[in-house]
Amino acid sequence: MNSHHNSTNEQFPARQKFESAAVAQEDKIFDFFKQNPLKGFTASDIWEKTGMEEDGSPITSTRRAMTNLLNAGKLRKTTAKKDGRYGRPEYFYTLADAEIINSVIETKGQSLETKVIPLL
């Protein structure tokens, strides 16, 4: 999947640089959701809580990354909304159901002991 939407028809090497940055943003956002598997967040929430605002990334990059994750089946868009930083309603997103299960298993699995019980 192309993470960077090449709307300005950039060529190599600039396009490769933009693609790498877009993938890194998606990874950062997805990791944040995995660390908070049972919570919902808007694009404005994610932009602030992941440090993308401080990094100077435009909020549109956060929205693009979240849309890409939604289209990849990693996030789920809810019907709940709240007003965003610009006074317009924004939807909440959560991890997709399968990703919630995987995240909880990964998080909780670190402290679980596994025991193998032989079958007789």
PDB file of N, CA and C in Angstrom:
ATOM      1  N   MET A   1       0.847  -1.172   0.000  1.00  0.00           N
ATOM      2  CA  MET A   1       0.000   0.000   0.000  1.00  0.00           C
ATOM      3  C   MET A   1       0.894   1.238   0.000  1.00  0.00           C
ATOM      4  N   ASN A   2       0.538   2.210  -0.813  1.00  0.00           N
ATOM      5  CA  ASN A   2       1.233   3.486  -0.789  1.00  0.00           C
ATOM      6  C   ASN A   2       0.667   4.312   0.346  1.00  0.00           C
ATOM      7  N   SER A   3       1.526   4.635   1.297  1.00  0.00           N
ATOM      8  CA  SER A   3       1.072   5.409   2.448  1.00  0.00           C
ATOM      9  C   SER A   3       1.024   6.893   2.129  1.00  0.00           C
ATOM     10  N   HIS A   4       1.973   7.339   1.320  1.00  0.00           N
ATOM     11  CA  HIS A   4       2.017   8.752   0.931  1.00  0.00           C
ATOM     12  C   HIS A   4       1.112   8.953  -0.275  1.00  0.00           C
ATOM     13  N   HIS A   5       0.244   9.937  -0.207  1.00  0.00           N
ATOM     14  CA  HIS A   5      -0.628  10.260  -1.334  1.00  0.00           C
ATOM     15  C   HIS A   5       0.089  11.311  -2.173  1.00  0.00           C
ATOM     16  N   ASN A   6       0.631  10.891  -3.274  1.00  0.00           N
ATOM     17  CA  ASN A   6       1.496  11.734  -4.094  1.00  0.00           C
ATOM     18  C   ASN A   6       0.676  12.714  -4.935  1.00  0.00           C
ATOM     19  N   SER A   7       0.051  13.668  -4.284  1.00  0.00           N
ATOM     20  CA  SER A   7      -0.838  14.613  -4.976  1.00  0.00           C
ATOM     21  C   SER A   7      -0.072  15.706  -5.719  1.00  0.00           C
ATOM     22  N   THR A   8       1.222  15.830  -5.454  1.00  0.00           N
ATOM     23  CA  THR A   8       2.015  16.851  -6.136  1.00  0.00           C
ATOM     24  C   THR A   8       2.974  16.248  -7.156  1.00  0.00           C
ATOM     25  N   ASN A   9       2.761  14.966  -7.474  1.00  0.00           N
ATOM     26  CA  ASN A   9       3.547  14.258  -8.493  1.00  0.00           C
ATOM     27  C   ASN A   9       5.052  14.328  -8.254  1.00  0.00           C
ATOM     28  N   GLU A  10       5.460  14.098  -7.022  1.00  0.00           N
ATOM     29  CA  GLU A  10       6.884  14.099  -6.677  1.00  0.00           C
ATOM     30  C   GLU A  10       7.573  12.884  -7.279  1.00  0.00           C
ATOM     31  N   GLN A  11       8.835  13.032  -7.566  1.00  0.00           N
ATOM     32  CA  GLN A  11       9.637  11.957  -8.139  1.00  0.00           C
ATOM     33  C   GLN A  11      10.676  11.498  -7.118  1.00  0.00           C
ATOM     34  N   PHE A  12      11.325  10.353  -7.405  1.00  0.00           N
ATOM     35  CA  PHE A  12      12.413   9.841  -6.576  1.00  0.00           C
ATOM     36  C   PHE A  12      13.532  10.888  -6.564  1.00  0.00           C
ATOM     37  N   PRO A  13      14.216  11.176  -5.473  1.00  0.00           N
ATOM     38  CA  PRO A  13      14.168  10.556  -4.152  1.00  0.00           C
ATOM     39  C   PRO A  13      13.184  11.212  -3.186  1.00  0.00           C
ATOM     40  N   ALA A  14      12.603  12.358  -3.571  1.00  0.00           N
ATOM     41  CA  ALA A  14      11.680  13.045  -2.659  1.00  0.00           C
ATOM     42  C   ALA A  14      10.490  12.165  -2.322  1.00  0.00           C
ATOM     43  N   ARG A  15       9.961  11.473  -3.318  1.00  0.00           N
ATOM     44  CA  ARG A  15       8.792  10.629  -3.071  1.00  0.00           C
ATOM     45  C   ARG A  15       9.112   9.516  -2.074  1.00  0.00           C
ATOM     46  N   GLN A  16      10.298   8.938  -2.184  1.00  0.00           N
ATOM     47  CA  GLN A  16      10.713   7.886  -1.248  1.00  0.00           C
ATOM     48  C   GLN A  16      10.800   8.438   0.176  1.00  0.00           C
ATOM     49  N   LYS A  17      11.316   9.646   0.317  1.00  0.00           N
ATOM     50  CA  LYS A  17      11.415  10.291   1.631  1.00  0.00           C
ATOM     51  C   LYS A  17      10.017  10.519   2.220  1.00  0.00           C
ATOM     52  N   PHE A  18       9.088  11.004   1.399  1.00  0.00           N
ATOM     53  CA  PHE A  18       7.726  11.253   1.863  1.00  0.00           C
ATOM     54  C   PHE A  18       7.020   9.948   2.223  1.00  0.00           C
ATOM     55  N   GLU A  19       7.251   8.906   1.440  1.00  0.00           N
ATOM     56  CA  GLU A  19       6.650   7.596   1.718  1.00  0.00           C
ATOM     57  C   GLU A  19       7.155   7.054   3.049  1.00  0.00           C
ATOM     58  N   SER A  20       8.458   7.169   3.292  1.00  0.00           N
ATOM     59  CA  SER A  20       9.040   6.698   4.559  1.00  0.00           C
ATOM     60  C   SER A  20       8.448   7.442   5.747  1.00  0.00           C
ATOM     61  N   ALA A  21       8.284   8.759   5.603  1.00  0.00           N
ATOM     62  CA  ALA A  21       7.698   9.553   6.686  1.00  0.00           C
ATOM     63  C   ALA A  21       6.249   9.146   6.937  1.00  0.00           C
ATOM     64  N   ALA A  22       5.497   8.889   5.869  1.00  0.00           N
ATOM     65  CA  ALA A  22       4.089   8.493   6.010  1.00  0.00           C
ATOM     66  C   ALA A  22       3.969   7.136   6.698  1.00  0.00           C
ATOM     67  N   VAL A  23       4.824   6.204   6.337  1.00  0.00           N
ATOM     68  CA  VAL A  23       4.814   4.880   6.978  1.00  0.00           C
ATOM     69  C   VAL A  23       5.168   5.014   8.461  1.00  0.00           C
ATOM     70  N   ALA A  24       6.146   5.853   8.777  1.00  0.00           N
ATOM     71  CA  ALA A  24       6.532   6.063  10.178  1.00  0.00           C
ATOM     72  C   ALA A  24       5.375   6.663  10.980  1.00  0.00           C
ATOM     73  N   GLN A  25       4.622   7.579  10.369  1.00  0.00           N
ATOM     74  CA  GLN A  25       3.466   8.161  11.051  1.00  0.00           C
ATOM     75  C   GLN A  25       2.400   7.098  11.307  1.00  0.00           C
ATOM     76  N   GLU A  26       2.137   6.255  10.325  1.00  0.00           N
ATOM     77  CA  GLU A  26       1.151   5.177  10.514  1.00  0.00           C
ATOM     78  C   GLU A  26       1.593   4.236  11.622  1.00  0.00           C
ATOM     79  N   ASP A  27       2.869   3.880  11.628  1.00  0.00           N
ATOM     80  CA  ASP A  27       3.391   2.986  12.668  1.00  0.00           C
ATOM     81  C   ASP A  27       3.228   3.602  14.054  1.00  0.00           C
ATOM     82  N   LYS A  28       3.543   4.886  14.158  1.00  0.00           N
ATOM     83  CA  LYS A  28       3.436   5.593  15.438  1.00  0.00           C
ATOM     84  C   LYS A  28       1.984   5.605  15.931  1.00  0.00           C
ATOM     85  N   ILE A  29       1.071   5.883  15.036  1.00  0.00           N
ATOM     86  CA  ILE A  29      -0.353   5.935  15.395  1.00  0.00           C
ATOM     87  C   ILE A  29      -0.871   4.545  15.757  1.00  0.00           C
ATOM     88  N   PHE A  30      -0.516   3.553  14.955  1.00  0.00           N
ATOM     89  CA  PHE A  30      -0.971   2.194  15.228  1.00  0.00           C
ATOM     90  C   PHE A  30      -0.422   1.699  16.566  1.00  0.00           C
ATOM     91  N   ASP A  31       0.848   1.995  16.857  1.00  0.00           N
ATOM     92  CA  ASP A  31       1.428   1.613  18.146  1.00  0.00           C
ATOM     93  C   ASP A  31       0.690   2.279  19.300  1.00  0.00           C
ATOM     94  N   PHE A  32       0.314   3.545  19.120  1.00  0.00           N
ATOM     95  CA  PHE A  32      -0.436   4.250  20.170  1.00  0.00           C
ATOM     96  C   PHE A  32      -1.773   3.558  20.429  1.00  0.00           C
ATOM     97  N   PHE A  33      -2.473   3.205  19.368  1.00  0.00           N
ATOM     98  CA  PHE A  33      -3.752   2.501  19.537  1.00  0.00           C
ATOM     99  C   PHE A  33      -3.534   1.148  20.217  1.00  0.00           C
ATOM    100  N   LYS A  34      -2.472   0.440  19.861  1.00  0.00           N
ATOM    101  CA  LYS A  34      -2.210  -0.863  20.490  1.00  0.00           C
ATOM    102  C   LYS A  34      -1.882  -0.713  21.968  1.00  0.00           C
ATOM    103  N   GLN A  35      -1.288   0.400  22.348  1.00  0.00           N
ATOM    104  CA  GLN A  35      -1.002   0.636  23.762  1.00  0.00           C
ATOM    105  C   GLN A  35      -2.258   1.052  24.532  1.00  0.00           C
ATOM    106  N   ASN A  36      -3.293   1.432  23.824  1.00  0.00           N
ATOM    107  CA  ASN A  36      -4.573   1.859  24.418  1.00  0.00           C
ATOM    108  C   ASN A  36      -5.708   1.112  23.723  1.00  0.00           C
ATOM    109  N   PRO A  37      -5.719  -0.221  23.823  1.00  0.00           N
ATOM    110  CA  PRO A  37      -6.586  -1.030  22.973  1.00  0.00           C
ATOM    111  C   PRO A  37      -8.081  -0.882  23.201  1.00  0.00           C
ATOM    112  N   LEU A  38      -8.491  -0.424  24.352  1.00  0.00           N
ATOM    113  CA  LEU A  38      -9.925  -0.364  24.636  1.00  0.00           C
ATOM    114  C   LEU A  38     -10.457   1.061  24.650  1.00  0.00           C
ATOM    115  N   LYS A  39      -9.698   1.993  24.086  1.00  0.00           N
ATOM    116  CA  LYS A  39     -10.103   3.394  24.077  1.00  0.00           C
ATOM    117  C   LYS A  39     -10.284   3.893  22.652  1.00  0.00           C
ATOM    118  N   GLY A  40     -11.105   4.922  22.508  1.00  0.00           N
ATOM    119  CA  GLY A  40     -11.314   5.556  21.216  1.00  0.00           C
ATOM    120  C   GLY A  40     -10.690   6.940  21.188  1.00  0.00           C
ATOM    121  N   PHE A  41     -10.232   7.343  20.017  1.00  0.00           N
ATOM    122  CA  PHE A  41      -9.577   8.638  19.864  1.00  0.00           C
ATOM    123  C   PHE A  41      -9.975   9.269  18.538  1.00  0.00           C
ATOM    124  N   THR A  42     -10.030  10.594  18.518  1.00  0.00           N
ATOM    125  CA  THR A  42     -10.256  11.334  17.282  1.00  0.00           C
ATOM    126  C   THR A  42      -8.893  11.650  16.654  1.00  0.00           C
ATOM    127  N   ALA A  43      -8.920  12.168  15.435  1.00  0.00           N
ATOM    128  CA  ALA A  43      -7.668  12.560  14.776  1.00  0.00           C
ATOM    129  C   ALA A  43      -6.957  13.651  15.579  1.00  0.00           C
ATOM    130  N   SER A  44      -7.722  14.588  16.124  1.00  0.00           N
ATOM    131  CA  SER A  44      -7.103  15.647  16.942  1.00  0.00           C
ATOM    132  C   SER A  44      -6.448  15.067  18.194  1.00  0.00           C
ATOM    133  N   ASP A  45      -7.120  14.097  18.822  1.00  0.00           N
ATOM    134  CA  ASP A  45      -6.545  13.441  20.000  1.00  0.00           C
ATOM    135  C   ASP A  45      -5.204  12.800  19.646  1.00  0.00           C
ATOM    136  N   ILE A  46      -5.208  12.050  18.556  1.00  0.00           N
ATOM    137  CA  ILE A  46      -4.000  11.334  18.135  1.00  0.00           C
ATOM    138  C   ILE A  46      -2.888  12.310  17.787  1.00  0.00           C
ATOM    139  N   TRP A  47      -3.225  13.374  17.084  1.00  0.00           N
ATOM    140  CA  TRP A  47      -2.254  14.383  16.675  1.00  0.00           C
ATOM    141  C   TRP A  47      -1.549  14.963  17.899  1.00  0.00           C
ATOM    142  N   GLU A  48      -2.332  15.222  18.966  1.00  0.00           N
ATOM    143  CA  GLU A  48      -1.756  15.788  20.188  1.00  0.00           C
ATOM    144  C   GLU A  48      -1.011  14.738  21.011  1.00  0.00           C
ATOM    145  N   LYS A  49      -1.618  13.568  21.220  1.00  0.00           N
ATOM    146  CA  LYS A  49      -1.087  12.577  22.151  1.00  0.00           C
ATOM    147  C   LYS A  49       0.140  11.834  21.629  1.00  0.00           C
ATOM    148  N   THR A  50       0.313  11.786  20.326  1.00  0.00           N
ATOM    149  CA  THR A  50       1.475  11.083  19.773  1.00  0.00           C
ATOM    150  C   THR A  50       2.669  12.007  19.540  1.00  0.00           C
ATOM    151  N   GLY A  51       2.491  13.307  19.776  1.00  0.00           N
ATOM    152  CA  GLY A  51       3.580  14.259  19.562  1.00  0.00           C
ATOM    153  C   GLY A  51       3.704  14.742  18.129  1.00  0.00           C
ATOM    154  N   MET A  52       2.767  14.345  17.277  1.00  0.00           N
ATOM    155  CA  MET A  52       2.844  14.777  15.879  1.00  0.00           C
ATOM    156  C   MET A  52       2.631  16.289  15.759  1.00  0.00           C
ATOM    157  N   GLU A  53       1.825  16.842  16.659  1.00  0.00           N
ATOM    158  CA  GLU A  53       1.618  18.295  16.667  1.00  0.00           C
ATOM    159  C   GLU A  53       2.946  18.996  16.953  1.00  0.00           C
ATOM    160  N   GLU A  54       3.661  18.522  17.976  1.00  0.00           N
ATOM    161  CA  GLU A  54       4.946  19.118  18.346  1.00  0.00           C
ATOM    162  C   GLU A  54       5.997  18.935  17.261  1.00  0.00           C
ATOM    163  N   ASP A  55       5.914  17.825  16.524  1.00  0.00           N
ATOM    164  CA  ASP A  55       6.872  17.554  15.452  1.00  0.00           C
ATOM    165  C   ASP A  55       6.649  18.443  14.232  1.00  0.00           C
ATOM    166  N   GLY A  56       5.522  19.166  14.221  1.00  0.00           N
ATOM    167  CA  GLY A  56       5.214  20.017  13.084  1.00  0.00           C
ATOM    168  C   GLY A  56       4.474  19.307  11.960  1.00  0.00           C
ATOM    169  N   SER A  57       4.027  18.082  12.218  1.00  0.00           N
ATOM    170  CA  SER A  57       3.248  17.361  11.211  1.00  0.00           C
ATOM    171  C   SER A  57       1.863  17.988  11.119  1.00  0.00           C
ATOM    172  N   PRO A  58       1.374  18.227   9.921  1.00  0.00           N
ATOM    173  CA  PRO A  58       0.017  18.774   9.810  1.00  0.00           C
ATOM    174  C   PRO A  58      -1.010  17.737  10.253  1.00  0.00           C
ATOM    175  N   ILE A  59      -2.129  18.219  10.774  1.00  0.00           N
ATOM    176  CA  ILE A  59      -3.181  17.303  11.227  1.00  0.00           C
ATOM    177  C   ILE A  59      -3.715  16.478  10.057  1.00  0.00           C
ATOM    178  N   THR A  60      -3.608  16.993   8.857  1.00  0.00           N
ATOM    179  CA  THR A  60      -4.063  16.230   7.688  1.00  0.00           C
ATOM    180  C   THR A  60      -3.231  14.962   7.506  1.00  0.00           C
ATOM    181  N   SER A  61      -1.972  14.987   7.935  1.00  0.00           N
ATOM    182  CA  SER A  61      -1.152  13.769   7.871  1.00  0.00           C
ATOM    183  C   SER A  61      -1.667  12.722   8.845  1.00  0.00           C
ATOM    184  N   THR A  62      -2.125  13.175  10.007  1.00  0.00           N
ATOM    185  CA  THR A  62      -2.719  12.256  10.980  1.00  0.00           C
ATOM    186  C   THR A  62      -3.997  11.652  10.406  1.00  0.00           C
ATOM    187  N   ARG A  63      -4.809  12.486   9.792  1.00  0.00           N
ATOM    188  CA  ARG A  63      -6.055  11.985   9.200  1.00  0.00           C
ATOM    189  C   ARG A  63      -5.761  10.999   8.063  1.00  0.00           C
ATOM    190  N   ARG A  64      -4.773  11.318   7.232  1.00  0.00           N
ATOM    191  CA  ARG A  64      -4.397  10.412   6.141  1.00  0.00           C
ATOM    192  C   ARG A  64      -3.935   9.069   6.694  1.00  0.00           C
ATOM    193  N   ALA A  65      -3.089   9.104   7.708  1.00  0.00           N
ATOM    194  CA  ALA A  65      -2.569   7.871   8.298  1.00  0.00           C
ATOM    195  C   ALA A  65      -3.695   7.040   8.912  1.00  0.00           C
ATOM    196  N   MET A  66      -4.624   7.697   9.596  1.00  0.00           N
ATOM    197  CA  MET A  66      -5.732   6.973  10.213  1.00  0.00           C
ATOM    198  C   MET A  66      -6.655   6.376   9.151  1.00  0.00           C
ATOM    199  N   THR A  67      -6.867   7.094   8.064  1.00  0.00           N
ATOM    200  CA  THR A  67      -7.674   6.556   6.960  1.00  0.00           C
ATOM    201  C   THR A  67      -6.994   5.351   6.337  1.00  0.00           C
ATOM    202  N   ASN A  68      -5.686   5.414   6.161  1.00  0.00           N
ATOM    203  CA  ASN A  68      -4.949   4.268   5.622  1.00  0.00           C
ATOM    204  C   ASN A  68      -5.062   3.062   6.553  1.00  0.00           C
ATOM    205  N   LEU A  69      -4.957   3.294   7.860  1.00  0.00           N
ATOM    206  CA  LEU A  69      -5.082   2.198   8.831  1.00  0.00           C
ATOM    207  C   LEU A  69      -6.506   1.645   8.843  1.00  0.00           C
ATOM    208  N   LEU A  70      -7.490   2.515   8.686  1.00  0.00           N
ATOM    209  CA  LEU A  70      -8.884   2.072   8.584  1.00  0.00           C
ATOM    210  C   LEU A  70      -9.071   1.193   7.350  1.00  0.00           C
ATOM    211  N   ASN A  71      -8.575   1.650   6.219  1.00  0.00           N
ATOM    212  CA  ASN A  71      -8.701   0.899   4.963  1.00  0.00           C
ATOM    213  C   ASN A  71      -7.944  -0.426   5.002  1.00  0.00           C
ATOM    214  N   ALA A  72      -6.892  -0.498   5.817  1.00  0.00           N
ATOM    215  CA  ALA A  72      -6.117  -1.731   5.964  1.00  0.00           C
ATOM    216  C   ALA A  72      -6.750  -2.684   6.980  1.00  0.00           C
ATOM    217  N   GLY A  73      -7.853  -2.257   7.609  1.00  0.00           N
ATOM    218  CA  GLY A  73      -8.536  -3.113   8.570  1.00  0.00           C
ATOM    219  C   GLY A  73      -7.922  -3.106   9.954  1.00  0.00           C
ATOM    220  N   LYS A  74      -7.048  -2.146  10.236  1.00  0.00           N
ATOM    221  CA  LYS A  74      -6.391  -2.090  11.542  1.00  0.00           C
ATOM    222  C   LYS A  74      -7.131  -1.206  12.537  1.00  0.00           C
ATOM    223  N   LEU A  75      -7.886  -0.229  12.026  1.00  0.00           N
ATOM    224  CA  LEU A  75      -8.695   0.637  12.873  1.00  0.00           C
ATOM    225  C   LEU A  75     -10.157   0.500  12.478  1.00  0.00           C
ATOM    226  N   ARG A  76     -11.011   0.906  13.393  1.00  0.00           N
ATOM    227  CA  ARG A  76     -12.453   0.904  13.156  1.00  0.00           C
ATOM    228  C   ARG A  76     -12.972   2.300  13.465  1.00  0.00           C
ATOM    229  N   LYS A  77     -13.794   2.840  12.577  1.00  0.00           N
ATOM    230  CA  LYS A  77     -14.418   4.142  12.774  1.00  0.00           C
ATOM    231  C   LYS A  77     -15.732   3.915  13.509  1.00  0.00           C
ATOM    232  N   THR A  78     -15.921   4.615  14.617  1.00  0.00           N
ATOM    233  CA  THR A  78     -17.146   4.455  15.392  1.00  0.00           C
ATOM    234  C   THR A  78     -18.185   5.473  14.923  1.00  0.00           C
ATOM    235  N   THR A  79     -19.353   5.418  15.503  1.00  0.00           N
ATOM    236  CA  THR A  79     -20.382   6.415  15.182  1.00  0.00           C
ATOM    237  C   THR A  79     -20.320   7.592  16.153  1.00  0.00           C
ATOM    238  N   ALA A  80     -19.521   7.474  17.214  1.00  0.00           N
ATOM    239  CA  ALA A  80     -19.401   8.547  18.212  1.00  0.00           C
ATOM    240  C   ALA A  80     -18.538   9.683  17.665  1.00  0.00           C
ATOM    241  N   LYS A  81     -18.914  10.908  18.016  1.00  0.00           N
ATOM    242  CA  LYS A  81     -18.179  12.095  17.572  1.00  0.00           C
ATOM    243  C   LYS A  81     -18.010  13.071  18.727  1.00  0.00           C
ATOM    244  N   LYS A  82     -17.044  13.955  18.570  1.00  0.00           N
ATOM    245  CA  LYS A  82     -16.914  15.119  19.451  1.00  0.00           C
ATOM    246  C   LYS A  82     -16.325  16.248  18.616  1.00  0.00           C
ATOM    247  N   ASP A  83     -16.489  17.470  19.101  1.00  0.00           N
ATOM    248  CA  ASP A  83     -15.926  18.598  18.376  1.00  0.00           C
ATOM    249  C   ASP A  83     -14.406  18.554  18.467  1.00  0.00           C
ATOM    250  N   GLY A  84     -13.759  18.731  17.328  1.00  0.00           N
ATOM    251  CA  GLY A  84     -12.302  18.733  17.261  1.00  0.00           C
ATOM    252  C   GLY A  84     -11.734  20.115  17.546  1.00  0.00           C
ATOM    253  N   ARG A  85     -10.461  20.255  17.331  1.00  0.00           N
ATOM    254  CA  ARG A  85      -9.804  21.510  17.667  1.00  0.00           C
ATOM    255  C   ARG A  85     -10.255  22.675  16.802  1.00  0.00           C
ATOM    256  N   TYR A  86     -10.849  22.424  15.674  1.00  0.00           N
ATOM    257  CA  TYR A  86     -11.305  23.508  14.806  1.00  0.00           C
ATOM    258  C   TYR A  86     -12.827  23.677  14.866  1.00  0.00           C
ATOM    259  N   GLY A  87     -13.445  23.108  15.918  1.00  0.00           N
ATOM    260  CA  GLY A  87     -14.869  23.274  16.128  1.00  0.00           C
ATOM    261  C   GLY A  87     -15.765  22.414  15.248  1.00  0.00           C
ATOM    262  N   ARG A  88     -15.175  21.528  14.479  1.00  0.00           N
ATOM    263  CA  ARG A  88     -15.949  20.627  13.616  1.00  0.00           C
ATOM    264  C   ARG A  88     -15.988  19.245  14.254  1.00  0.00           C
ATOM    265  N   PRO A  89     -17.098  18.521  14.093  1.00  0.00           N
ATOM    266  CA  PRO A  89     -17.179  17.179  14.695  1.00  0.00           C
ATOM    267  C   PRO A  89     -16.181  16.216  14.052  1.00  0.00           C
ATOM    268  N   GLU A  90     -15.596  15.384  14.896  1.00  0.00           N
ATOM    269  CA  GLU A  90     -14.658  14.358  14.447  1.00  0.00           C
ATOM    270  C   GLU A  90     -15.122  13.012  14.995  1.00  0.00           C
ATOM    271  N   TYR A  91     -14.961  11.980  14.208  1.00  0.00           N
ATOM    272  CA  TYR A  91     -15.300  10.625  14.648  1.00  0.00           C
ATOM    273  C   TYR A  91     -14.214  10.059  15.548  1.00  0.00           C
ATOM    274  N   PHE A  92     -14.637   9.181  16.443  1.00  0.00           N
ATOM    275  CA  PHE A  92     -13.703   8.405  17.239  1.00  0.00           C
ATOM    276  C   PHE A  92     -13.318   7.154  16.458  1.00  0.00           C
ATOM    277  N   TYR A  93     -12.082   6.749  16.618  1.00  0.00           N
ATOM    278  CA  TYR A  93     -11.563   5.513  16.028  1.00  0.00           C
ATOM    279  C   TYR A  93     -11.050   4.629  17.149  1.00  0.00           C
ATOM    280  N   THR A  94     -11.149   3.333  16.953  1.00  0.00           N
ATOM    281  CA  THR A  94     -10.598   2.346  17.883  1.00  0.00           C
ATOM    282  C   THR A  94      -9.813   1.326  17.070  1.00  0.00           C
ATOM    283  N   LEU A  95      -9.095   0.481  17.773  1.00  0.00           N
ATOM    284  CA  LEU A  95      -8.495  -0.655  17.080  1.00  0.00           C
ATOM    285  C   LEU A  95      -9.613  -1.510  16.504  1.00  0.00           C
ATOM    286  N   ALA A  96      -9.355  -2.119  15.372  1.00  0.00           N
ATOM    287  CA  ALA A  96     -10.315  -3.086  14.822  1.00  0.00           C
ATOM    288  C   ALA A  96     -10.403  -4.252  15.795  1.00  0.00           C
ATOM    289  N   ASP A  97     -11.521  -4.953  15.782  1.00  0.00           N
ATOM    290  CA  ASP A  97     -11.763  -6.028  16.751  1.00  0.00           C
ATOM    291  C   ASP A  97     -10.623  -7.024  16.848  1.00  0.00           C
ATOM    292  N   ALA A  98     -10.142  -7.519  15.721  1.00  0.00           N
ATOM    293  CA  ALA A  98      -9.052  -8.505  15.743  1.00  0.00           C
ATOM    294  C   ALA A  98      -7.793  -7.889  16.323  1.00  0.00           C
ATOM    295  N   GLU A  99      -7.546  -6.620  16.040  1.00  0.00           N
ATOM    296  CA  GLU A  99      -6.351  -5.957  16.563  1.00  0.00           C
ATOM    297  C   GLU A  99      -6.446  -5.762  18.071  1.00  0.00           C
ATOM    298  N   ILE A 100      -7.659  -5.545  18.592  1.00  0.00           N
ATOM    299  CA  ILE A 100      -7.829  -5.431  20.047  1.00  0.00           C
ATOM    300  C   ILE A 100      -7.414  -6.737  20.707  1.00  0.00           C
ATOM    301  N   ILE A 101      -7.890  -7.831  20.165  1.00  0.00           N
ATOM    302  CA  ILE A 101      -7.545  -9.140  20.721  1.00  0.00           C
ATOM    303  C   ILE A 101      -6.038  -9.359  20.682  1.00  0.00           C
ATOM    304  N   ASN A 102      -5.416  -9.087  19.540  1.00  0.00           N
ATOM    305  CA  ASN A 102      -3.964  -9.263  19.416  1.00  0.00           C
ATOM    306  C   ASN A 102      -3.207  -8.372  20.392  1.00  0.00           C
ATOM    307  N   SER A 103      -3.651  -7.133  20.544  1.00  0.00           N
ATOM    308  CA  SER A 103      -2.971  -6.199  21.429  1.00  0.00           C
ATOM    309  C   SER A 103      -3.066  -6.635  22.887  1.00  0.00           C
ATOM    310  N   VAL A 104      -4.253  -7.069  23.301  1.00  0.00           N
ATOM    311  CA  VAL A 104      -4.434  -7.522  24.680  1.00  0.00           C
ATOM    312  C   VAL A 104      -3.588  -8.766  24.933  1.00  0.00           C
ATOM    313  N   ILE A 105      -3.544  -9.673  23.979  1.00  0.00           N
ATOM    314  CA  ILE A 105      -2.727 -10.880  24.126  1.00  0.00           C
ATOM    315  C   ILE A 105      -1.254 -10.509  24.236  1.00  0.00           C
ATOM    316  N   GLU A 106      -0.784  -9.606  23.384  1.00  0.00           N
ATOM    317  CA  GLU A 106       0.619  -9.182  23.429  1.00  0.00           C
ATOM    318  C   GLU A 106       0.945  -8.513  24.753  1.00  0.00           C
ATOM    319  N   THR A 107       0.069  -7.630  25.220  1.00  0.00           N
ATOM    320  CA  THR A 107       0.317  -6.893  26.452  1.00  0.00           C
ATOM    321  C   THR A 107       0.255  -7.817  27.661  1.00  0.00           C
ATOM    322  N   LYS A 108      -0.807  -8.581  27.752  1.00  0.00           N
ATOM    323  CA  LYS A 108      -0.991  -9.448  28.908  1.00  0.00           C
ATOM    324  C   LYS A 108      -0.092 -10.682  28.830  1.00  0.00           C
ATOM    325  N   GLY A 109       0.200 -11.116  27.626  1.00  0.00           N
ATOM    326  CA  GLY A 109       0.992 -12.324  27.438  1.00  0.00           C
ATOM    327  C   GLY A 109       2.400 -12.219  27.978  1.00  0.00           C
ATOM    328  N   GLN A 110       2.896 -11.005  28.152  1.00  0.00           N
ATOM    329  CA  GLN A 110       4.248 -10.830  28.662  1.00  0.00           C
ATOM    330  C   GLN A 110       4.377 -11.299  30.104  1.00  0.00           C
ATOM    331  N   SER A 111       3.266 -11.246  30.847  1.00  0.00           N
ATOM    332  CA  SER A 111       3.342 -11.634  32.248  1.00  0.00           C
ATOM    333  C   SER A 111       2.702 -13.004  32.516  1.00  0.00           C
ATOM    334  N   LEU A 112       2.208 -13.640  31.475  1.00  0.00           N
ATOM    335  CA  LEU A 112       1.583 -14.943  31.663  1.00  0.00           C
ATOM    336  C   LEU A 112       2.605 -16.068  31.524  1.00  0.00           C
ATOM    337  N   GLU A 113       2.438 -17.077  32.337  1.00  0.00           N
ATOM    338  CA  GLU A 113       3.256 -18.276  32.181  1.00  0.00           C
ATOM    339  C   GLU A 113       2.477 -19.268  31.347  1.00  0.00           C
ATOM    340  N   THR A 114       3.190 -19.940  30.470  1.00  0.00           N
ATOM    341  CA  THR A 114       2.503 -20.965  29.682  1.00  0.00           C
ATOM    342  C   THR A 114       2.919 -22.323  30.226  1.00  0.00           C
ATOM    343  N   LYS A 115       1.960 -23.159  30.407  1.00  0.00           N
ATOM    344  CA  LYS A 115       2.233 -24.513  30.895  1.00  0.00           C
ATOM    345  C   LYS A 115       1.729 -25.500  29.864  1.00  0.00           C
ATOM    346  N   VAL A 116       2.555 -26.457  29.569  1.00  0.00           N
ATOM    347  CA  VAL A 116       2.151 -27.496  28.635  1.00  0.00           C
ATOM    348  C   VAL A 116       1.704 -28.682  29.457  1.00  0.00           C
ATOM    349  N   ILE A 117       0.486 -29.127  29.224  1.00  0.00           N
ATOM    350  CA  ILE A 117      -0.050 -30.279  29.937  1.00  0.00           C
ATOM    351  C   ILE A 117      -0.090 -31.431  28.946  1.00  0.00           C
ATOM    352  N   PRO A 118       0.673 -32.490  29.219  1.00  0.00           N
ATOM    353  CA  PRO A 118       0.681 -33.611  28.288  1.00  0.00           C
ATOM    354  C   PRO A 118      -0.658 -34.318  28.257  1.00  0.00           C
ATOM    355  N   LEU A 119      -1.066 -34.719  27.080  1.00  0.00           N
ATOM    356  CA  LEU A 119      -2.301 -35.487  26.917  1.00  0.00           C
ATOM    357  C   LEU A 119      -2.002 -36.956  27.207  1.00  0.00           C
ATOM    358  N   LEU A 120      -2.889 -37.624  27.913  1.00  0.00           N
ATOM    359  CA  LEU A 120      -2.716 -39.058  28.222  1.00  0.00           C
ATOM    360  C   LEU A 120      -3.428 -39.905  27.209  1.00  0.00           C
TER     361      LEU A 120
END
